[in-house]
């Protein structure tokens, strides 16, 4: 099972993927919502979590999550945002505020999925 990390900032995405890999999770990455949707639509890709930035260049993270849930109804979603306090997170979805520490990311992902 993979974690799909969707982040348009290459450096931030690389750091998130590196941290998750170090924690023992397998990751896939996308730099925009359209690339993420291609991965989500591939039945050969087993996904345990969608972690997405809220502000993507081609689509809001909330819309990506809605479309992801239409494809994979049980997929957990974790939003990452610098504006966490102003985001209304839908039921069954999670939020982590940017910037976050390695420990905060680990604790949030482990809290959603359990240990890798």
PDB file of N, CA and C in Angstrom:
ATOM      1  N   UNK A   1       0.842  -1.189   0.000  1.00  0.00           N
ATOM      2  CA  UNK A   1       0.000   0.000   0.000  1.00  0.00           C
ATOM      3  C   UNK A   1       0.879   1.242   0.000  1.00  0.00           C
ATOM      4  N   UNK A   2       0.444   2.224  -0.735  1.00  0.00           N
ATOM      5  CA  UNK A   2       1.206   3.461  -0.884  1.00  0.00           C
ATOM      6  C   UNK A   2       0.454   4.648  -0.309  1.00  0.00           C
ATOM      7  N   UNK A   3       1.213   5.673   0.045  1.00  0.00           N
ATOM      8  CA  UNK A   3       0.673   6.972   0.380  1.00  0.00           C
ATOM      9  C   UNK A   3       0.885   7.851  -0.840  1.00  0.00           C
ATOM     10  N   UNK A   4      -0.157   8.518  -1.290  1.00  0.00           N
ATOM     11  CA  UNK A   4      -0.053   9.429  -2.432  1.00  0.00           C
ATOM     12  C   UNK A   4       0.097  10.846  -1.896  1.00  0.00           C
ATOM     13  N   UNK A   5       1.240  11.465  -2.183  1.00  0.00           N
ATOM     14  CA  UNK A   5       1.544  12.824  -1.735  1.00  0.00           C
ATOM     15  C   UNK A   5       1.370  13.766  -2.918  1.00  0.00           C
ATOM     16  N   UNK A   6       0.453  14.742  -2.759  1.00  0.00           N
ATOM     17  CA  UNK A   6       0.173  15.699  -3.825  1.00  0.00           C
ATOM     18  C   UNK A   6       0.565  17.087  -3.324  1.00  0.00           C
ATOM     19  N   UNK A   7       1.598  17.635  -3.931  1.00  0.00           N
ATOM     20  CA  UNK A   7       2.148  18.938  -3.505  1.00  0.00           C
ATOM     21  C   UNK A   7       2.817  19.565  -4.717  1.00  0.00           C
ATOM     22  N   UNK A   8       2.471  20.821  -5.023  1.00  0.00           N
ATOM     23  CA  UNK A   8       3.028  21.470  -6.205  1.00  0.00           C
ATOM     24  C   UNK A   8       4.419  22.053  -5.982  1.00  0.00           C
ATOM     25  N   UNK A   9       4.811  22.281  -4.744  1.00  0.00           N
ATOM     26  CA  UNK A   9       6.152  22.778  -4.452  1.00  0.00           C
ATOM     27  C   UNK A   9       7.107  21.583  -4.413  1.00  0.00           C
ATOM     28  N   UNK A  10       8.030  21.542  -5.364  1.00  0.00           N
ATOM     29  CA  UNK A  10       8.918  20.381  -5.508  1.00  0.00           C
ATOM     30  C   UNK A  10       9.715  20.095  -4.238  1.00  0.00           C
ATOM     31  N   UNK A  11      10.227  21.130  -3.592  1.00  0.00           N
ATOM     32  CA  UNK A  11      11.064  20.936  -2.405  1.00  0.00           C
ATOM     33  C   UNK A  11      10.225  20.410  -1.244  1.00  0.00           C
ATOM     34  N   UNK A  12       9.053  21.002  -1.037  1.00  0.00           N
ATOM     35  CA  UNK A  12       8.170  20.542   0.047  1.00  0.00           C
ATOM     36  C   UNK A  12       7.743  19.098  -0.193  1.00  0.00           C
ATOM     37  N   UNK A  13       7.374  18.776  -1.446  1.00  0.00           N
ATOM     38  CA  UNK A  13       6.970  17.409  -1.780  1.00  0.00           C
ATOM     39  C   UNK A  13       8.114  16.427  -1.531  1.00  0.00           C
ATOM     40  N   UNK A  14       9.321  16.798  -1.946  1.00  0.00           N
ATOM     41  CA  UNK A  14      10.478  15.926  -1.755  1.00  0.00           C
ATOM     42  C   UNK A  14      10.725  15.672  -0.264  1.00  0.00           C
ATOM     43  N   UNK A  15      10.629  16.725   0.545  1.00  0.00           N
ATOM     44  CA  UNK A  15      10.838  16.563   1.986  1.00  0.00           C
ATOM     45  C   UNK A  15       9.772  15.665   2.606  1.00  0.00           C
ATOM     46  N   UNK A  16       8.510  15.855   2.213  1.00  0.00           N
ATOM     47  CA  UNK A  16       7.434  15.019   2.746  1.00  0.00           C
ATOM     48  C   UNK A  16       7.643  13.552   2.370  1.00  0.00           C
ATOM     49  N   UNK A  17       7.979  13.312   1.117  1.00  0.00           N
ATOM     50  CA  UNK A  17       8.211  11.945   0.648  1.00  0.00           C
ATOM     51  C   UNK A  17       9.402  11.328   1.378  1.00  0.00           C
ATOM     52  N   UNK A  18      10.477  12.092   1.541  1.00  0.00           N
ATOM     53  CA  UNK A  18      11.655  11.584   2.256  1.00  0.00           C
ATOM     54  C   UNK A  18      11.306  11.192   3.689  1.00  0.00           C
ATOM     55  N   UNK A  19      10.556  12.047   4.372  1.00  0.00           N
ATOM     56  CA  UNK A  19      10.172  11.752   5.754  1.00  0.00           C
ATOM     57  C   UNK A  19       9.309  10.496   5.813  1.00  0.00           C
ATOM     58  N   UNK A  20       8.324  10.414   4.952  1.00  0.00           N
ATOM     59  CA  UNK A  20       7.421   9.250   4.960  1.00  0.00           C
ATOM     60  C   UNK A  20       8.167   7.968   4.609  1.00  0.00           C
ATOM     61  N   UNK A  21       9.094   8.059   3.646  1.00  0.00           N
ATOM     62  CA  UNK A  21       9.917   6.892   3.300  1.00  0.00           C
ATOM     63  C   UNK A  21      10.765   6.461   4.491  1.00  0.00           C
ATOM     64  N   UNK A  22      11.375   7.438   5.182  1.00  0.00           N
ATOM     65  CA  UNK A  22      12.194   7.127   6.363  1.00  0.00           C
ATOM     66  C   UNK A  22      11.370   6.459   7.460  1.00  0.00           C
ATOM     67  N   UNK A  23      10.106   6.817   7.542  1.00  0.00           N
ATOM     68  CA  UNK A  23       9.222   6.225   8.548  1.00  0.00           C
ATOM     69  C   UNK A  23       8.749   4.826   8.159  1.00  0.00           C
ATOM     70  N   UNK A  24       9.089   4.393   6.938  1.00  0.00           N
ATOM     71  CA  UNK A  24       8.748   3.044   6.506  1.00  0.00           C
ATOM     72  C   UNK A  24       7.535   2.946   5.607  1.00  0.00           C
ATOM     73  N   UNK A  25       6.979   4.082   5.212  1.00  0.00           N
ATOM     74  CA  UNK A  25       5.842   4.072   4.291  1.00  0.00           C
ATOM     75  C   UNK A  25       6.355   4.104   2.857  1.00  0.00           C
ATOM     76  N   UNK A  26       5.604   3.494   1.949  1.00  0.00           N
ATOM     77  CA  UNK A  26       5.918   3.585   0.531  1.00  0.00           C
ATOM     78  C   UNK A  26       5.095   4.728  -0.038  1.00  0.00           C
ATOM     79  N   UNK A  27       5.705   5.552  -0.872  1.00  0.00           N
ATOM     80  CA  UNK A  27       5.016   6.734  -1.361  1.00  0.00           C
ATOM     81  C   UNK A  27       4.976   6.800  -2.882  1.00  0.00           C
ATOM     82  N   UNK A  28       3.945   7.432  -3.363  1.00  0.00           N
ATOM     83  CA  UNK A  28       3.828   7.871  -4.746  1.00  0.00           C
ATOM     84  C   UNK A  28       3.662   9.379  -4.660  1.00  0.00           C
ATOM     85  N   UNK A  29       4.034  10.092  -5.706  1.00  0.00           N
ATOM     86  CA  UNK A  29       3.934  11.538  -5.632  1.00  0.00           C
ATOM     87  C   UNK A  29       3.369  12.120  -6.913  1.00  0.00           C
ATOM     88  N   UNK A  30       2.700  13.262  -6.731  1.00  0.00           N
ATOM     89  CA  UNK A  30       2.138  13.997  -7.860  1.00  0.00           C
ATOM     90  C   UNK A  30       2.320  15.483  -7.577  1.00  0.00           C
ATOM     91  N   UNK A  31       2.563  16.257  -8.639  1.00  0.00           N
ATOM     92  CA  UNK A  31       2.781  17.697  -8.465  1.00  0.00           C
ATOM     93  C   UNK A  31       1.527  18.523  -8.738  1.00  0.00           C
ATOM     94  N   UNK A  32       0.427  17.848  -9.080  1.00  0.00           N
ATOM     95  CA  UNK A  32      -0.829  18.547  -9.332  1.00  0.00           C
ATOM     96  C   UNK A  32      -1.987  17.558  -9.191  1.00  0.00           C
ATOM     97  N   UNK A  33      -3.191  18.098  -9.155  1.00  0.00           N
ATOM     98  CA  UNK A  33      -4.367  17.257  -8.976  1.00  0.00           C
ATOM     99  C   UNK A  33      -4.582  16.319 -10.161  1.00  0.00           C
ATOM    100  N   UNK A  34      -4.338  16.797 -11.371  1.00  0.00           N
ATOM    101  CA  UNK A  34      -4.565  15.946 -12.544  1.00  0.00           C
ATOM    102  C   UNK A  34      -3.641  14.731 -12.550  1.00  0.00           C
ATOM    103  N   UNK A  35      -2.390  14.930 -12.155  1.00  0.00           N
ATOM    104  CA  UNK A  35      -1.463  13.794 -12.053  1.00  0.00           C
ATOM    105  C   UNK A  35      -1.916  12.837 -10.955  1.00  0.00           C
ATOM    106  N   UNK A  36      -2.424  13.388  -9.861  1.00  0.00           N
ATOM    107  CA  UNK A  36      -2.922  12.549  -8.766  1.00  0.00           C
ATOM    108  C   UNK A  36      -4.126  11.734  -9.212  1.00  0.00           C
ATOM    109  N   UNK A  37      -5.019  12.345  -9.976  1.00  0.00           N
ATOM    110  CA  UNK A  37      -6.217  11.635 -10.443  1.00  0.00           C
ATOM    111  C   UNK A  37      -5.850  10.459 -11.344  1.00  0.00           C
ATOM    112  N   UNK A  38      -4.804  10.612 -12.148  1.00  0.00           N
ATOM    113  CA  UNK A  38      -4.355   9.490 -12.992  1.00  0.00           C
ATOM    114  C   UNK A  38      -3.921   8.312 -12.125  1.00  0.00           C
ATOM    115  N   UNK A  39      -3.215   8.600 -11.034  1.00  0.00           N
ATOM    116  CA  UNK A  39      -2.795   7.541 -10.108  1.00  0.00           C
ATOM    117  C   UNK A  39      -4.014   6.937  -9.414  1.00  0.00           C
ATOM    118  N   UNK A  40      -4.927   7.795  -8.970  1.00  0.00           N
ATOM    119  CA  UNK A  40      -6.129   7.325  -8.276  1.00  0.00           C
ATOM    120  C   UNK A  40      -6.997   6.441  -9.167  1.00  0.00           C
ATOM    121  N   UNK A  41      -7.006   6.714 -10.454  1.00  0.00           N
ATOM    122  CA  UNK A  41      -7.827   5.944 -11.392  1.00  0.00           C
ATOM    123  C   UNK A  41      -7.181   4.630 -11.817  1.00  0.00           C
ATOM    124  N   UNK A  42      -5.937   4.404 -11.429  1.00  0.00           N
ATOM    125  CA  UNK A  42      -5.225   3.171 -11.785  1.00  0.00           C
ATOM    126  C   UNK A  42      -5.547   2.094 -10.754  1.00  0.00           C
ATOM    127  N   UNK A  43      -6.360   1.090 -11.133  1.00  0.00           N
ATOM    128  CA  UNK A  43      -6.731   0.055 -10.167  1.00  0.00           C
ATOM    129  C   UNK A  43      -5.541  -0.788  -9.700  1.00  0.00           C
ATOM    130  N   UNK A  44      -4.428  -0.715 -10.404  1.00  0.00           N
ATOM    131  CA  UNK A  44      -3.236  -1.452 -10.005  1.00  0.00           C
ATOM    132  C   UNK A  44      -2.453  -0.786  -8.886  1.00  0.00           C
ATOM    133  N   UNK A  45      -2.810   0.438  -8.539  1.00  0.00           N
ATOM    134  CA  UNK A  45      -2.123   1.174  -7.471  1.00  0.00           C
ATOM    135  C   UNK A  45      -2.931   1.057  -6.181  1.00  0.00           C
ATOM    136  N   UNK A  46      -2.391   0.323  -5.219  1.00  0.00           N
ATOM    137  CA  UNK A  46      -3.036   0.202  -3.905  1.00  0.00           C
ATOM    138  C   UNK A  46      -2.648   1.413  -3.065  1.00  0.00           C
ATOM    139  N   UNK A  47      -3.639   2.167  -2.606  1.00  0.00           N
ATOM    140  CA  UNK A  47      -3.372   3.391  -1.854  1.00  0.00           C
ATOM    141  C   UNK A  47      -3.969   3.290  -0.455  1.00  0.00           C
ATOM    142  N   UNK A  48      -3.187   3.711   0.531  1.00  0.00           N
ATOM    143  CA  UNK A  48      -3.643   3.706   1.923  1.00  0.00           C
ATOM    144  C   UNK A  48      -4.044   5.098   2.389  1.00  0.00           C
ATOM    145  N   UNK A  49      -3.528   6.153   1.706  1.00  0.00           N
ATOM    146  CA  UNK A  49      -3.784   7.521   2.156  1.00  0.00           C
ATOM    147  C   UNK A  49      -3.508   8.484   1.013  1.00  0.00           C
ATOM    148  N   UNK A  50      -4.363   9.492   0.900  1.00  0.00           N
ATOM    149  CA  UNK A  50      -4.119  10.630   0.020  1.00  0.00           C
ATOM    150  C   UNK A  50      -3.746  11.803   0.905  1.00  0.00           C
ATOM    151  N   UNK A  51      -2.531  12.324   0.735  1.00  0.00           N
ATOM    152  CA  UNK A  51      -2.092  13.513   1.458  1.00  0.00           C
ATOM    153  C   UNK A  51      -1.938  14.618   0.430  1.00  0.00           C
ATOM    154  N   UNK A  52      -2.768  15.658   0.556  1.00  0.00           N
ATOM    155  CA  UNK A  52      -2.766  16.693  -0.469  1.00  0.00           C
ATOM    156  C   UNK A  52      -2.681  18.091   0.110  1.00  0.00           C
ATOM    157  N   UNK A  53      -1.951  18.925  -0.602  1.00  0.00           N
ATOM    158  CA  UNK A  53      -1.938  20.348  -0.325  1.00  0.00           C
ATOM    159  C   UNK A  53      -3.335  20.877  -0.655  1.00  0.00           C
ATOM    160  N   UNK A  54      -3.743  21.923   0.022  1.00  0.00           N
ATOM    161  CA  UNK A  54      -5.050  22.509  -0.272  1.00  0.00           C
ATOM    162  C   UNK A  54      -4.960  23.400  -1.501  1.00  0.00           C
ATOM    163  N   UNK A  55      -3.888  24.170  -1.623  1.00  0.00           N
ATOM    164  CA  UNK A  55      -3.740  25.099  -2.733  1.00  0.00           C
ATOM    165  C   UNK A  55      -2.915  24.514  -3.859  1.00  0.00           C
ATOM    166  N   UNK A  56      -3.564  23.818  -4.769  1.00  0.00           N
ATOM    167  CA  UNK A  56      -2.883  23.247  -5.934  1.00  0.00           C
ATOM    168  C   UNK A  56      -3.148  24.144  -7.139  1.00  0.00           C
ATOM    169  N   UNK A  57      -2.261  24.151  -8.139  1.00  0.00           N
ATOM    170  CA  UNK A  57      -2.428  25.077  -9.257  1.00  0.00           C
ATOM    171  C   UNK A  57      -3.622  24.755 -10.162  1.00  0.00           C
ATOM    172  N   UNK A  58      -4.024  23.500 -10.233  1.00  0.00           N
ATOM    173  CA  UNK A  58      -5.070  23.125 -11.186  1.00  0.00           C
ATOM    174  C   UNK A  58      -6.411  22.794 -10.536  1.00  0.00           C
ATOM    175  N   UNK A  59      -6.456  22.688  -9.215  1.00  0.00           N
ATOM    176  CA  UNK A  59      -7.688  22.310  -8.533  1.00  0.00           C
ATOM    177  C   UNK A  59      -7.479  22.474  -7.036  1.00  0.00           C
ATOM    178  N   UNK A  60      -8.501  22.858  -6.321  1.00  0.00           N
ATOM    179  CA  UNK A  60      -8.398  22.925  -4.863  1.00  0.00           C
ATOM    180  C   UNK A  60      -8.274  21.515  -4.299  1.00  0.00           C
ATOM    181  N   UNK A  61      -7.555  21.381  -3.211  1.00  0.00           N
ATOM    182  CA  UNK A  61      -7.384  20.082  -2.573  1.00  0.00           C
ATOM    183  C   UNK A  61      -8.700  19.448  -2.151  1.00  0.00           C
ATOM    184  N   UNK A  62      -9.660  20.288  -1.735  1.00  0.00           N
ATOM    185  CA  UNK A  62     -10.969  19.767  -1.333  1.00  0.00           C
ATOM    186  C   UNK A  62     -11.679  19.102  -2.511  1.00  0.00           C
ATOM    187  N   UNK A  63     -11.548  19.685  -3.703  1.00  0.00           N
ATOM    188  CA  UNK A  63     -12.168  19.094  -4.897  1.00  0.00           C
ATOM    189  C   UNK A  63     -11.449  17.803  -5.281  1.00  0.00           C
ATOM    190  N   UNK A  64     -10.135  17.803  -5.166  1.00  0.00           N
ATOM    191  CA  UNK A  64      -9.382  16.573  -5.427  1.00  0.00           C
ATOM    192  C   UNK A  64      -9.841  15.475  -4.481  1.00  0.00           C
ATOM    193  N   UNK A  65     -10.005  15.804  -3.207  1.00  0.00           N
ATOM    194  CA  UNK A  65     -10.452  14.813  -2.227  1.00  0.00           C
ATOM    195  C   UNK A  65     -11.840  14.282  -2.576  1.00  0.00           C
ATOM    196  N   UNK A  66     -12.716  15.169  -3.018  1.00  0.00           N
ATOM    197  CA  UNK A  66     -14.071  14.761  -3.409  1.00  0.00           C
ATOM    198  C   UNK A  66     -14.014  13.780  -4.584  1.00  0.00           C
ATOM    199  N   UNK A  67     -13.214  14.113  -5.594  1.00  0.00           N
ATOM    200  CA  UNK A  67     -13.083  13.229  -6.750  1.00  0.00           C
ATOM    201  C   UNK A  67     -12.388  11.916  -6.368  1.00  0.00           C
ATOM    202  N   UNK A  68     -11.400  12.009  -5.474  1.00  0.00           N
ATOM    203  CA  UNK A  68     -10.701  10.798  -5.022  1.00  0.00           C
ATOM    204  C   UNK A  68     -11.668   9.861  -4.316  1.00  0.00           C
ATOM    205  N   UNK A  69     -12.540  10.416  -3.476  1.00  0.00           N
ATOM    206  CA  UNK A  69     -13.512   9.609  -2.742  1.00  0.00           C
ATOM    207  C   UNK A  69     -14.561   9.016  -3.681  1.00  0.00           C
ATOM    208  N   UNK A  70     -14.833   9.668  -4.800  1.00  0.00           N
ATOM    209  CA  UNK A  70     -15.757   9.102  -5.786  1.00  0.00           C
ATOM    210  C   UNK A  70     -15.140   7.855  -6.428  1.00  0.00           C
ATOM    211  N   UNK A  71     -13.820   7.878  -6.579  1.00  0.00           N
ATOM    212  CA  UNK A  71     -13.097   6.747  -7.179  1.00  0.00           C
ATOM    213  C   UNK A  71     -12.812   5.663  -6.137  1.00  0.00           C
ATOM    214  N   UNK A  72     -12.397   6.094  -4.956  1.00  0.00           N
ATOM    215  CA  UNK A  72     -12.009   5.191  -3.859  1.00  0.00           C
ATOM    216  C   UNK A  72     -12.694   5.661  -2.580  1.00  0.00           C
ATOM    217  N   UNK A  73     -13.927   5.230  -2.352  1.00  0.00           N
ATOM    218  CA  UNK A  73     -14.748   5.774  -1.257  1.00  0.00           C
ATOM    219  C   UNK A  73     -14.155   5.647   0.148  1.00  0.00           C
ATOM    220  N   UNK A  74     -13.349   4.646   0.399  1.00  0.00           N
ATOM    221  CA  UNK A  74     -12.824   4.428   1.751  1.00  0.00           C
ATOM    222  C   UNK A  74     -11.442   5.054   1.960  1.00  0.00           C
ATOM    223  N   UNK A  75     -10.897   5.735   0.965  1.00  0.00           N
ATOM    224  CA  UNK A  75      -9.532   6.271   1.051  1.00  0.00           C
ATOM    225  C   UNK A  75      -9.446   7.389   2.077  1.00  0.00           C
ATOM    226  N   UNK A  76      -8.597   7.254   3.101  1.00  0.00           N
ATOM    227  CA  UNK A  76      -8.388   8.358   4.038  1.00  0.00           C
ATOM    228  C   UNK A  76      -7.698   9.525   3.335  1.00  0.00           C
ATOM    229  N   UNK A  77      -8.056  10.744   3.758  1.00  0.00           N
ATOM    230  CA  UNK A  77      -7.497  11.951   3.167  1.00  0.00           C
ATOM    231  C   UNK A  77      -6.895  12.810   4.270  1.00  0.00           C
ATOM    232  N   UNK A  78      -5.681  13.302   4.022  1.00  0.00           N
ATOM    233  CA  UNK A  78      -5.005  14.216   4.932  1.00  0.00           C
ATOM    234  C   UNK A  78      -4.665  15.483   4.156  1.00  0.00           C
ATOM    235  N   UNK A  79      -5.280  16.609   4.565  1.00  0.00           N
ATOM    236  CA  UNK A  79      -4.969  17.895   3.953  1.00  0.00           C
ATOM    237  C   UNK A  79      -3.784  18.521   4.665  1.00  0.00           C
ATOM    238  N   UNK A  80      -2.915  19.181   3.897  1.00  0.00           N
ATOM    239  CA  UNK A  80      -1.819  19.968   4.457  1.00  0.00           C
ATOM    240  C   UNK A  80      -2.031  21.405   4.003  1.00  0.00           C
ATOM    241  N   UNK A  81      -2.046  22.323   4.967  1.00  0.00           N
ATOM    242  CA  UNK A  81      -2.325  23.705   4.608  1.00  0.00           C
ATOM    243  C   UNK A  81      -1.669  24.675   5.575  1.00  0.00           C
ATOM    244  N   UNK A  82      -1.204  25.780   5.037  1.00  0.00           N
ATOM    245  CA  UNK A  82      -0.715  26.869   5.864  1.00  0.00           C
ATOM    246  C   UNK A  82      -1.852  27.670   6.469  1.00  0.00           C
ATOM    247  N   UNK A  83      -3.060  27.361   6.055  1.00  0.00           N
ATOM    248  CA  UNK A  83      -4.255  28.056   6.546  1.00  0.00           C
ATOM    249  C   UNK A  83      -5.192  27.073   7.211  1.00  0.00           C
ATOM    250  N   UNK A  84      -4.646  26.168   8.005  1.00  0.00           N
ATOM    251  CA  UNK A  84      -5.409  25.077   8.606  1.00  0.00           C
ATOM    252  C   UNK A  84      -6.576  25.573   9.435  1.00  0.00           C
ATOM    253  N   UNK A  85      -6.383  26.690  10.128  1.00  0.00           N
ATOM    254  CA  UNK A  85      -7.440  27.174  11.016  1.00  0.00           C
ATOM    255  C   UNK A  85      -8.665  27.659  10.248  1.00  0.00           C
ATOM    256  N   UNK A  86      -8.502  27.993   8.968  1.00  0.00           N
ATOM    257  CA  UNK A  86      -9.628  28.516   8.198  1.00  0.00           C
ATOM    258  C   UNK A  86     -10.255  27.470   7.278  1.00  0.00           C
ATOM    259  N   UNK A  87      -9.756  26.246   7.308  1.00  0.00           N
ATOM    260  CA  UNK A  87     -10.272  25.204   6.423  1.00  0.00           C
ATOM    261  C   UNK A  87     -11.314  24.363   7.139  1.00  0.00           C
ATOM    262  N   UNK A  88     -12.441  24.162   6.479  1.00  0.00           N
ATOM    263  CA  UNK A  88     -13.496  23.311   7.006  1.00  0.00           C
ATOM    264  C   UNK A  88     -13.264  21.897   6.458  1.00  0.00           C
ATOM    265  N   UNK A  89     -12.744  21.017   7.303  1.00  0.00           N
ATOM    266  CA  UNK A  89     -12.384  19.666   6.870  1.00  0.00           C
ATOM    267  C   UNK A  89     -13.631  18.775   6.884  1.00  0.00           C
ATOM    268  N   UNK A  90     -13.950  18.136   5.760  1.00  0.00           N
ATOM    269  CA  UNK A  90     -15.115  17.246   5.722  1.00  0.00           C
ATOM    270  C   UNK A  90     -14.971  16.082   6.699  1.00  0.00           C
ATOM    271  N   UNK A  91     -16.100  15.538   7.116  1.00  0.00           N
ATOM    272  CA  UNK A  91     -16.105  14.389   8.018  1.00  0.00           C
ATOM    273  C   UNK A  91     -15.277  13.252   7.434  1.00  0.00           C
ATOM    274  N   UNK A  92     -14.515  12.597   8.293  1.00  0.00           N
ATOM    275  CA  UNK A  92     -13.723  11.456   7.871  1.00  0.00           C
ATOM    276  C   UNK A  92     -12.412  11.828   7.203  1.00  0.00           C
ATOM    277  N   UNK A  93     -12.117  13.128   7.164  1.00  0.00           N
ATOM    278  CA  UNK A  93     -10.855  13.581   6.591  1.00  0.00           C
ATOM    279  C   UNK A  93     -10.062  14.279   7.688  1.00  0.00           C
ATOM    280  N   UNK A  94      -8.781  14.504   7.441  1.00  0.00           N
ATOM    281  CA  UNK A  94      -7.878  15.004   8.464  1.00  0.00           C
ATOM    282  C   UNK A  94      -7.114  16.215   7.956  1.00  0.00           C
ATOM    283  N   UNK A  95      -6.487  16.954   8.885  1.00  0.00           N
ATOM    284  CA  UNK A  95      -5.752  18.176   8.554  1.00  0.00           C
ATOM    285  C   UNK A  95      -4.445  18.222   9.334  1.00  0.00           C
ATOM    286  N   UNK A  96      -3.411  18.727   8.679  1.00  0.00           N
ATOM    287  CA  UNK A  96      -2.163  19.065   9.348  1.00  0.00           C
ATOM    288  C   UNK A  96      -1.766  20.454   8.859  1.00  0.00           C
ATOM    289  N   UNK A  97      -1.398  21.320   9.792  1.00  0.00           N
ATOM    290  CA  UNK A  97      -1.033  22.685   9.441  1.00  0.00           C
ATOM    291  C   UNK A  97       0.423  22.796   9.018  1.00  0.00           C
ATOM    292  N   UNK A  98       0.674  23.575   7.975  1.00  0.00           N
ATOM    293  CA  UNK A  98       2.036  23.870   7.538  1.00  0.00           C
ATOM    294  C   UNK A  98       2.505  25.131   8.242  1.00  0.00           C
ATOM    295  N   UNK A  99       3.759  25.240   8.585  1.00  0.00           N
ATOM    296  CA  UNK A  99       4.767  24.185   8.505  1.00  0.00           C
ATOM    297  C   UNK A  99       4.569  23.181   9.634  1.00  0.00           C
ATOM    298  N   UNK A 100       4.965  21.949   9.378  1.00  0.00           N
ATOM    299  CA  UNK A 100       4.870  20.910  10.397  1.00  0.00           C
ATOM    300  C   UNK A 100       6.220  20.239  10.558  1.00  0.00           C
ATOM    301  N   UNK A 101       6.440  19.695  11.741  1.00  0.00           N
ATOM    302  CA  UNK A 101       7.702  19.010  12.015  1.00  0.00           C
ATOM    303  C   UNK A 101       7.613  17.565  11.535  1.00  0.00           C
ATOM    304  N   UNK A 102       8.755  16.922  11.479  1.00  0.00           N
ATOM    305  CA  UNK A 102       8.799  15.497  11.141  1.00  0.00           C
ATOM    306  C   UNK A 102       7.952  14.716  12.132  1.00  0.00           C
ATOM    307  N   UNK A 103       8.053  15.069  13.392  1.00  0.00           N
ATOM    308  CA  UNK A 103       7.302  14.356  14.433  1.00  0.00           C
ATOM    309  C   UNK A 103       5.804  14.555  14.270  1.00  0.00           C
ATOM    310  N   UNK A 104       5.386  15.773  13.933  1.00  0.00           N
ATOM    311  CA  UNK A 104       3.962  16.039  13.727  1.00  0.00           C
ATOM    312  C   UNK A 104       3.424  15.247  12.539  1.00  0.00           C
ATOM    313  N   UNK A 105       4.198  15.188  11.462  1.00  0.00           N
ATOM    314  CA  UNK A 105       3.783  14.419  10.288  1.00  0.00           C
ATOM    315  C   UNK A 105       3.691  12.940  10.642  1.00  0.00           C
ATOM    316  N   UNK A 106       4.713  12.435  11.311  1.00  0.00           N
ATOM    317  CA  UNK A 106       4.702  11.029  11.733  1.00  0.00           C
ATOM    318  C   UNK A 106       3.493  10.732  12.607  1.00  0.00           C
ATOM    319  N   UNK A 107       3.264  11.550  13.621  1.00  0.00           N
ATOM    320  CA  UNK A 107       2.160  11.305  14.545  1.00  0.00           C
ATOM    321  C   UNK A 107       0.808  11.348  13.840  1.00  0.00           C
ATOM    322  N   UNK A 108       0.662  12.274  12.902  1.00  0.00           N
ATOM    323  CA  UNK A 108      -0.624  12.401  12.186  1.00  0.00           C
ATOM    324  C   UNK A 108      -0.855  11.171  11.306  1.00  0.00           C
ATOM    325  N   UNK A 109       0.163  10.767  10.544  1.00  0.00           N
ATOM    326  CA  UNK A 109       0.009   9.627   9.629  1.00  0.00           C
ATOM    327  C   UNK A 109      -0.179   8.330  10.412  1.00  0.00           C
ATOM    328  N   UNK A 110       0.605   8.146  11.464  1.00  0.00           N
ATOM    329  CA  UNK A 110       0.457   6.944  12.304  1.00  0.00           C
ATOM    330  C   UNK A 110      -0.926   6.934  12.966  1.00  0.00           C
ATOM    331  N   UNK A 111      -1.415   8.116  13.350  1.00  0.00           N
ATOM    332  CA  UNK A 111      -2.739   8.198  13.939  1.00  0.00           C
ATOM    333  C   UNK A 111      -3.841   7.791  12.976  1.00  0.00           C
ATOM    334  N   UNK A 112      -3.638   8.046  11.702  1.00  0.00           N
ATOM    335  CA  UNK A 112      -4.633   7.686  10.679  1.00  0.00           C
ATOM    336  C   UNK A 112      -4.488   6.225  10.274  1.00  0.00           C
ATOM    337  N   UNK A 113      -3.252   5.790  10.039  1.00  0.00           N
ATOM    338  CA  UNK A 113      -3.003   4.468   9.438  1.00  0.00           C
ATOM    339  C   UNK A 113      -2.470   3.412  10.392  1.00  0.00           C
ATOM    340  N   UNK A 114      -1.882   3.834  11.497  1.00  0.00           N
ATOM    341  CA  UNK A 114      -1.142   2.895  12.329  1.00  0.00           C
ATOM    342  C   UNK A 114       0.290   2.835  11.833  1.00  0.00           C
ATOM    343  N   UNK A 115       1.111   2.049  12.480  1.00  0.00           N
ATOM    344  CA  UNK A 115       2.518   1.967  12.106  1.00  0.00           C
ATOM    345  C   UNK A 115       2.673   1.243  10.773  1.00  0.00           C
ATOM    346  N   UNK A 116       3.696   1.654  10.009  1.00  0.00           N
ATOM    347  CA  UNK A 116       3.890   1.037   8.676  1.00  0.00           C
ATOM    348  C   UNK A 116       4.285  -0.432   8.766  1.00  0.00           C
TER     349      UNK A 116
END
